[in-house]
C-alpha atoms as a PDB file:
ATOM      1  CA  MET A   1      -4.817-101.311-100.171  1.00  0.00           C
ATOM      2  CA  ILE A   2      -7.133-104.295-100.223  1.00  0.00           C
ATOM      3  CA  SER A   3     -10.663-103.450 -99.131  1.00  0.00           C
ATOM      4  CA  ASP A   4     -12.773-106.455-100.140  1.00  0.00           C
ATOM      5  CA  GLU A   5     -12.653-110.134-101.028  1.00  0.00           C
ATOM      6  CA  ARG A   6     -12.447-109.453-104.774  1.00  0.00           C
ATOM      7  CA  GLN A   7      -9.327-107.358-104.276  1.00  0.00           C
ATOM      8  CA  LEU A   8      -7.902-110.022-101.975  1.00  0.00           C
ATOM      9  CA  GLU A   9      -8.386-112.625-104.698  1.00  0.00           C
ATOM     10  CA  GLN A  10      -6.693-110.337-107.235  1.00  0.00           C
ATOM     11  CA  ALA A  11      -3.745-109.800-104.879  1.00  0.00           C
ATOM     12  CA  VAL A  12      -3.321-113.540-104.376  1.00  0.00           C
ATOM     13  CA  GLU A  13      -3.434-114.083-108.144  1.00  0.00           C
ATOM     14  CA  GLN A  14      -0.869-111.336-108.675  1.00  0.00           C
ATOM     15  CA  MET A  15       1.395-112.919-106.064  1.00  0.00           C
ATOM     16  CA  GLY A  16       1.153-116.186-107.976  1.00  0.00           C
ATOM     17  CA  ARG A  17       2.200-114.420-111.181  1.00  0.00           C
ATOM     18  CA  MET A  18       5.187-112.868-109.430  1.00  0.00           C
ATOM     19  CA  CYS A  19       6.228-116.256-108.031  1.00  0.00           C
ATOM     20  CA  ARG A  20       5.988-117.783-111.497  1.00  0.00           C
ATOM     21  CA  ALA A  21       8.083-114.912-112.876  1.00  0.00           C
ATOM     22  CA  LEU A  22      10.756-115.644-110.275  1.00  0.00           C
ATOM     23  CA  ALA A  23      10.663-119.324-111.127  1.00  0.00           C
ATOM     24  CA  ALA A  24      11.135-118.511-114.806  1.00  0.00           C
ATOM     25  CA  LEU A  25      14.064-116.231-114.014  1.00  0.00           C
ATOM     26  CA  ASN A  26      15.546-119.021-111.911  1.00  0.00           C
ATOM     27  CA  VAL A  27      15.451-121.389-114.877  1.00  0.00           C
ATOM     28  CA  GLU A  28      16.320-118.975-117.679  1.00  0.00           C
ATOM     29  CA  VAL A  29      18.655-116.385-116.171  1.00  0.00           C
ATOM     30  CA  LEU A  30      20.308-117.797-113.049  1.00  0.00           C
ATOM     31  CA  PRO A  31      22.288-120.519-114.882  1.00  0.00           C
ATOM     32  CA  LYS A  32      23.786-117.832-117.140  1.00  0.00           C
ATOM     33  CA  SER A  33      24.391-115.031-114.643  1.00  0.00           C
ATOM     34  CA  ARG A  34      23.823-114.853-110.899  1.00  0.00           C
ATOM     35  CA  GLN A  35      24.306-111.090-111.019  1.00  0.00           C
ATOM     36  CA  GLN A  36      21.707-110.624-113.765  1.00  0.00           C
ATOM     37  CA  PHE A  37      19.304-112.894-111.890  1.00  0.00           C
ATOM     38  CA  ALA A  38      19.720-110.820-108.717  1.00  0.00           C
ATOM     39  CA  LEU A  39      18.976-107.619-110.627  1.00  0.00           C
ATOM     40  CA  MET A  40      15.988-109.026-112.481  1.00  0.00           C
ATOM     41  CA  ALA A  41      14.522-110.675-109.372  1.00  0.00           C
ATOM     42  CA  GLU A  42      14.369-107.396-107.424  1.00  0.00           C
ATOM     43  CA  GLY A  43      11.095-106.242-109.007  1.00  0.00           C
ATOM     44  CA  PRO A  44       9.110-109.434-108.479  1.00  0.00           C
ATOM     45  CA  LEU A  45      10.482-109.818-104.947  1.00  0.00           C
ATOM     46  CA  GLU A  46       9.490-106.280-104.009  1.00  0.00           C
ATOM     47  CA  GLU A  47       6.013-106.804-105.460  1.00  0.00           C
ATOM     48  CA  ILE A  48       5.621-110.058-103.495  1.00  0.00           C
ATOM     49  CA  ARG A  49       6.617-108.261-100.285  1.00  0.00           C
ATOM     50  CA  ARG A  50       4.144-105.451-100.994  1.00  0.00           C
ATOM     51  CA  LEU A  51       1.330-107.886-101.709  1.00  0.00           C
ATOM     52  CA  GLU A  52       2.124-109.930 -98.589  1.00  0.00           C
ATOM     53  CA  GLU A  53       1.891-106.770 -96.492  1.00  0.00           C
ATOM     54  CA  GLU A  54      -1.422-105.736 -98.060  1.00  0.00           C
ATOM     55  CA  ILE A  55      -2.881-109.217 -97.589  1.00  0.00           C
ATOM     56  CA  SER A  56      -1.708-109.296 -93.975  1.00  0.00           C
ATOM     57  CA  GLN A  57      -3.264-105.902 -93.276  1.00  0.00           C
ATOM     58  CA  TYR A  58      -6.562-106.939 -94.864  1.00  0.00           C
ATOM     59  CA  VAL A  59      -6.735-110.195 -92.913  1.00  0.00           C
ATOM     60  CA  THR A  60      -5.876-108.431 -89.651  1.00  0.00           C
ATOM     61  CA  GLN A  61      -8.538-105.769 -90.252  1.00  0.00           C
ATOM     62  CA  THR A  62     -11.093-108.413 -91.179  1.00  0.00           C
ATOM     63  CA  LEU A  63     -10.420-110.394 -88.008  1.00  0.00           C
ATOM     64  CA  GLU A  64     -10.581-107.255 -85.865  1.00  0.00           C
ATOM     65  CA  SER A  65     -13.802-105.902 -87.359  1.00  0.00           C
ATOM     66  CA  PRO A  66     -16.915-106.296 -85.199  1.00  0.00           C
ATOM     67  CA  ALA A  67     -18.841-107.936 -88.069  1.00  0.00           C
ATOM     68  CA  SER A  68     -16.517-110.944 -88.041  1.00  0.00           C
ATOM     69  CA  GLN A  69     -16.961-111.704 -84.321  1.00  0.00           C
END
């Protein structure tokens, strides 16, 4: 769980790495095998979903905290 701005920045960077991994799979694997691409893309996609959820929770908590009002 993200608890500060440093961790938020790390999560955003990690999401970027996962997106680049998907893009590489799209170029390198998809033209050869759609099935292999689907299997290999599962990990990065799941990590992107997890990071999106953590970022969303952090932003929501930040906006709801009394210090931000």
